């Protein structure tokens, strides 16, 4: 087995340790679009630390995951729910929401308007400054 594969397996195992706690926290729904009754996966909000960090993980559905993993597939109208989720008390949910709004505001007026409304604390801004979702 290659070193890369072994590291991937180790990271996957580390993330899976958070699974039950994340499912409990999210109430078995996507922490972004709030879809119920769908398969959920752990998403690490960038920047990715050397070791998995529970406080940087969220549970998301396949639709959110596929759009985050492949920016060419992003459907701006799908992300309209960011208007409510950007106020989340969960830091990783709020951070990824604002990062998505930042990406979308280049072509979507509604995203720019929402981004102007959201209040960001300094530590959240520091985290956002480290994120380049689709760089």
C-alpha atoms as a PDB file:
ATOM      1  CA  UNK A   1       0.000   0.000   0.000  1.00  0.00           C
ATOM      2  CA  UNK A   2       1.359   3.442  -0.925  1.00  0.00           C
ATOM      3  CA  UNK A   3       2.084   6.132   1.641  1.00  0.00           C
ATOM      4  CA  UNK A   4      -0.513   8.410   0.063  1.00  0.00           C
ATOM      5  CA  UNK A   5      -3.208   5.763   0.277  1.00  0.00           C
ATOM      6  CA  UNK A   6      -2.285   4.980   3.872  1.00  0.00           C
ATOM      7  CA  UNK A   7      -2.496   8.682   4.810  1.00  0.00           C
ATOM      8  CA  UNK A   8      -5.859   8.974   3.065  1.00  0.00           C
ATOM      9  CA  UNK A   9      -7.169   5.937   4.953  1.00  0.00           C
ATOM     10  CA  UNK A  10      -5.861   7.337   8.245  1.00  0.00           C
ATOM     11  CA  UNK A  11      -7.533  10.715   7.610  1.00  0.00           C
ATOM     12  CA  UNK A  12     -10.793   9.032   6.584  1.00  0.00           C
ATOM     13  CA  UNK A  13     -10.712   6.986   9.783  1.00  0.00           C
ATOM     14  CA  UNK A  14     -10.100  10.152  11.825  1.00  0.00           C
ATOM     15  CA  UNK A  15     -13.068  11.882  10.195  1.00  0.00           C
ATOM     16  CA  UNK A  16     -15.302   8.857  10.680  1.00  0.00           C
ATOM     17  CA  UNK A  17     -14.669   9.140  14.419  1.00  0.00           C
ATOM     18  CA  UNK A  18     -16.636  12.406  14.312  1.00  0.00           C
ATOM     19  CA  UNK A  19     -19.549  10.821  12.444  1.00  0.00           C
ATOM     20  CA  UNK A  20     -21.882  10.046  15.338  1.00  0.00           C
ATOM     21  CA  UNK A  21     -21.313  13.419  16.993  1.00  0.00           C
ATOM     22  CA  UNK A  22     -21.819  15.269  13.706  1.00  0.00           C
ATOM     23  CA  UNK A  23     -25.019  13.332  12.929  1.00  0.00           C
ATOM     24  CA  UNK A  24     -26.309  14.145  16.402  1.00  0.00           C
ATOM     25  CA  UNK A  25     -25.411  17.822  15.951  1.00  0.00           C
ATOM     26  CA  UNK A  26     -27.031  18.129  12.525  1.00  0.00           C
ATOM     27  CA  UNK A  27     -30.154  16.142  13.373  1.00  0.00           C
ATOM     28  CA  UNK A  28     -29.589  13.899  10.333  1.00  0.00           C
ATOM     29  CA  UNK A  29     -30.008  16.763   7.859  1.00  0.00           C
ATOM     30  CA  UNK A  30     -27.580  18.609   5.615  1.00  0.00           C
ATOM     31  CA  UNK A  31     -26.060  21.465   7.594  1.00  0.00           C
ATOM     32  CA  UNK A  32     -26.189  23.679   4.515  1.00  0.00           C
ATOM     33  CA  UNK A  33     -29.386  23.045   2.537  1.00  0.00           C
ATOM     34  CA  UNK A  34     -31.123  21.213   5.413  1.00  0.00           C
ATOM     35  CA  UNK A  35     -32.164  18.268   3.200  1.00  0.00           C
ATOM     36  CA  UNK A  36     -33.624  15.388   5.255  1.00  0.00           C
ATOM     37  CA  UNK A  37     -33.527  11.683   4.468  1.00  0.00           C
ATOM     38  CA  UNK A  38     -30.476  11.897   2.225  1.00  0.00           C
ATOM     39  CA  UNK A  39     -26.984  10.461   2.449  1.00  0.00           C
ATOM     40  CA  UNK A  40     -24.690  12.786   4.382  1.00  0.00           C
ATOM     41  CA  UNK A  41     -20.914  12.992   4.269  1.00  0.00           C
ATOM     42  CA  UNK A  42     -18.346  14.836   6.334  1.00  0.00           C
ATOM     43  CA  UNK A  43     -17.010  17.987   4.673  1.00  0.00           C
ATOM     44  CA  UNK A  44     -13.920  19.686   6.061  1.00  0.00           C
ATOM     45  CA  UNK A  45     -14.159  23.456   5.831  1.00  0.00           C
ATOM     46  CA  UNK A  46     -10.825  24.801   4.569  1.00  0.00           C
ATOM     47  CA  UNK A  47      -8.075  25.299   5.353  1.00  0.00           C
ATOM     48  CA  UNK A  48      -7.585  21.602   6.031  1.00  0.00           C
ATOM     49  CA  UNK A  49      -5.498  21.012   9.153  1.00  0.00           C
ATOM     50  CA  UNK A  50      -2.888  18.246   9.345  1.00  0.00           C
ATOM     51  CA  UNK A  51      -5.142  16.313  11.716  1.00  0.00           C
ATOM     52  CA  UNK A  52      -8.931  16.154  11.337  1.00  0.00           C
ATOM     53  CA  UNK A  53     -10.631  18.824  13.450  1.00  0.00           C
ATOM     54  CA  UNK A  54     -14.252  18.388  14.567  1.00  0.00           C
ATOM     55  CA  UNK A  55     -14.715  22.162  14.727  1.00  0.00           C
ATOM     56  CA  UNK A  56     -13.976  22.444  10.999  1.00  0.00           C
ATOM     57  CA  UNK A  57     -16.352  19.682   9.898  1.00  0.00           C
ATOM     58  CA  UNK A  58     -19.940  19.806   8.720  1.00  0.00           C
ATOM     59  CA  UNK A  59     -22.332  17.178   7.410  1.00  0.00           C
ATOM     60  CA  UNK A  60     -23.538  17.841   3.871  1.00  0.00           C
ATOM     61  CA  UNK A  61     -25.647  16.090   1.254  1.00  0.00           C
ATOM     62  CA  UNK A  62     -24.406  14.803  -2.099  1.00  0.00           C
ATOM     63  CA  UNK A  63     -25.749  17.821  -4.016  1.00  0.00           C
ATOM     64  CA  UNK A  64     -23.915  20.335  -1.821  1.00  0.00           C
ATOM     65  CA  UNK A  65     -20.816  18.141  -1.832  1.00  0.00           C
ATOM     66  CA  UNK A  66     -20.705  17.724  -5.607  1.00  0.00           C
ATOM     67  CA  UNK A  67     -21.058  21.464  -6.190  1.00  0.00           C
ATOM     68  CA  UNK A  68     -18.391  22.317  -3.617  1.00  0.00           C
ATOM     69  CA  UNK A  69     -16.035  19.708  -5.061  1.00  0.00           C
ATOM     70  CA  UNK A  70     -16.554  20.827  -8.660  1.00  0.00           C
ATOM     71  CA  UNK A  71     -17.062  24.594  -8.994  1.00  0.00           C
ATOM     72  CA  UNK A  72     -17.977  24.277 -12.678  1.00  0.00           C
ATOM     73  CA  UNK A  73     -21.200  22.561 -11.613  1.00  0.00           C
ATOM     74  CA  UNK A  74     -22.297  25.317  -9.236  1.00  0.00           C
ATOM     75  CA  UNK A  75     -25.881  26.349  -9.803  1.00  0.00           C
ATOM     76  CA  UNK A  76     -26.195  29.797  -8.202  1.00  0.00           C
ATOM     77  CA  UNK A  77     -29.962  29.519  -7.762  1.00  0.00           C
ATOM     78  CA  UNK A  78     -29.501  26.335  -5.715  1.00  0.00           C
ATOM     79  CA  UNK A  79     -27.543  28.285  -3.093  1.00  0.00           C
ATOM     80  CA  UNK A  80     -30.330  30.794  -2.337  1.00  0.00           C
ATOM     81  CA  UNK A  81     -30.764  29.063   1.036  1.00  0.00           C
ATOM     82  CA  UNK A  82     -27.553  30.803   2.128  1.00  0.00           C
ATOM     83  CA  UNK A  83     -29.801  33.751   3.034  1.00  0.00           C
ATOM     84  CA  UNK A  84     -30.860  31.893   6.170  1.00  0.00           C
ATOM     85  CA  UNK A  85     -27.928  29.566   6.820  1.00  0.00           C
ATOM     86  CA  UNK A  86     -25.350  32.391   6.843  1.00  0.00           C
ATOM     87  CA  UNK A  87     -26.664  33.309  10.314  1.00  0.00           C
ATOM     88  CA  UNK A  88     -25.790  29.891  11.757  1.00  0.00           C
ATOM     89  CA  UNK A  89     -24.343  29.720  15.258  1.00  0.00           C
ATOM     90  CA  UNK A  90     -22.025  26.941  14.054  1.00  0.00           C
ATOM     91  CA  UNK A  91     -18.779  28.551  12.923  1.00  0.00           C
ATOM     92  CA  UNK A  92     -17.942  26.105  10.090  1.00  0.00           C
ATOM     93  CA  UNK A  93     -21.455  26.450   8.620  1.00  0.00           C
ATOM     94  CA  UNK A  94     -21.297  30.246   8.775  1.00  0.00           C
ATOM     95  CA  UNK A  95     -17.769  30.329   7.352  1.00  0.00           C
ATOM     96  CA  UNK A  96     -18.524  28.106   4.355  1.00  0.00           C
ATOM     97  CA  UNK A  97     -21.741  30.066   3.728  1.00  0.00           C
ATOM     98  CA  UNK A  98     -19.929  33.397   3.630  1.00  0.00           C
ATOM     99  CA  UNK A  99     -17.124  31.915   1.504  1.00  0.00           C
ATOM    100  CA  UNK A 100     -19.738  30.688  -0.983  1.00  0.00           C
ATOM    101  CA  UNK A 101     -21.413  34.103  -1.024  1.00  0.00           C
ATOM    102  CA  UNK A 102     -18.012  35.662  -1.731  1.00  0.00           C
ATOM    103  CA  UNK A 103     -17.581  33.320  -4.695  1.00  0.00           C
ATOM    104  CA  UNK A 104     -21.117  33.882  -5.998  1.00  0.00           C
ATOM    105  CA  UNK A 105     -21.145  37.669  -5.621  1.00  0.00           C
ATOM    106  CA  UNK A 106     -19.031  38.050  -8.761  1.00  0.00           C
ATOM    107  CA  UNK A 107     -22.032  37.046 -10.877  1.00  0.00           C
ATOM    108  CA  UNK A 108     -25.023  37.164  -8.534  1.00  0.00           C
ATOM    109  CA  UNK A 109     -26.354  40.457  -7.135  1.00  0.00           C
ATOM    110  CA  UNK A 110     -28.352  38.644  -4.445  1.00  0.00           C
ATOM    111  CA  UNK A 111     -25.147  37.067  -3.092  1.00  0.00           C
ATOM    112  CA  UNK A 112     -23.405  40.448  -2.899  1.00  0.00           C
ATOM    113  CA  UNK A 113     -26.397  41.920  -1.040  1.00  0.00           C
ATOM    114  CA  UNK A 114     -26.411  39.044   1.453  1.00  0.00           C
ATOM    115  CA  UNK A 115     -22.687  39.293   2.041  1.00  0.00           C
ATOM    116  CA  UNK A 116     -23.059  42.972   2.913  1.00  0.00           C
ATOM    117  CA  UNK A 117     -25.669  42.072   5.563  1.00  0.00           C
ATOM    118  CA  UNK A 118     -23.788  39.379   7.456  1.00  0.00           C
ATOM    119  CA  UNK A 119     -21.838  40.279  10.590  1.00  0.00           C
ATOM    120  CA  UNK A 120     -18.416  38.655  10.826  1.00  0.00           C
ATOM    121  CA  UNK A 121     -16.345  38.626  14.004  1.00  0.00           C
ATOM    122  CA  UNK A 122     -12.574  39.073  13.721  1.00  0.00           C
ATOM    123  CA  UNK A 123     -11.725  35.394  14.296  1.00  0.00           C
ATOM    124  CA  UNK A 124     -14.280  34.431  11.629  1.00  0.00           C
ATOM    125  CA  UNK A 125     -12.728  36.960   9.247  1.00  0.00           C
ATOM    126  CA  UNK A 126      -9.286  35.496   9.953  1.00  0.00           C
ATOM    127  CA  UNK A 127     -10.634  32.041   9.028  1.00  0.00           C
ATOM    128  CA  UNK A 128     -12.317  33.415   5.882  1.00  0.00           C
ATOM    129  CA  UNK A 129      -9.075  35.098   4.819  1.00  0.00           C
ATOM    130  CA  UNK A 130      -7.453  31.648   4.680  1.00  0.00           C
ATOM    131  CA  UNK A 131     -10.108  30.169   2.387  1.00  0.00           C
ATOM    132  CA  UNK A 132      -9.937  30.070  -1.381  1.00  0.00           C
ATOM    133  CA  UNK A 133     -12.724  27.606  -2.145  1.00  0.00           C
ATOM    134  CA  UNK A 134     -12.178  27.307  -5.854  1.00  0.00           C
ATOM    135  CA  UNK A 135      -8.675  28.740  -6.271  1.00  0.00           C
END
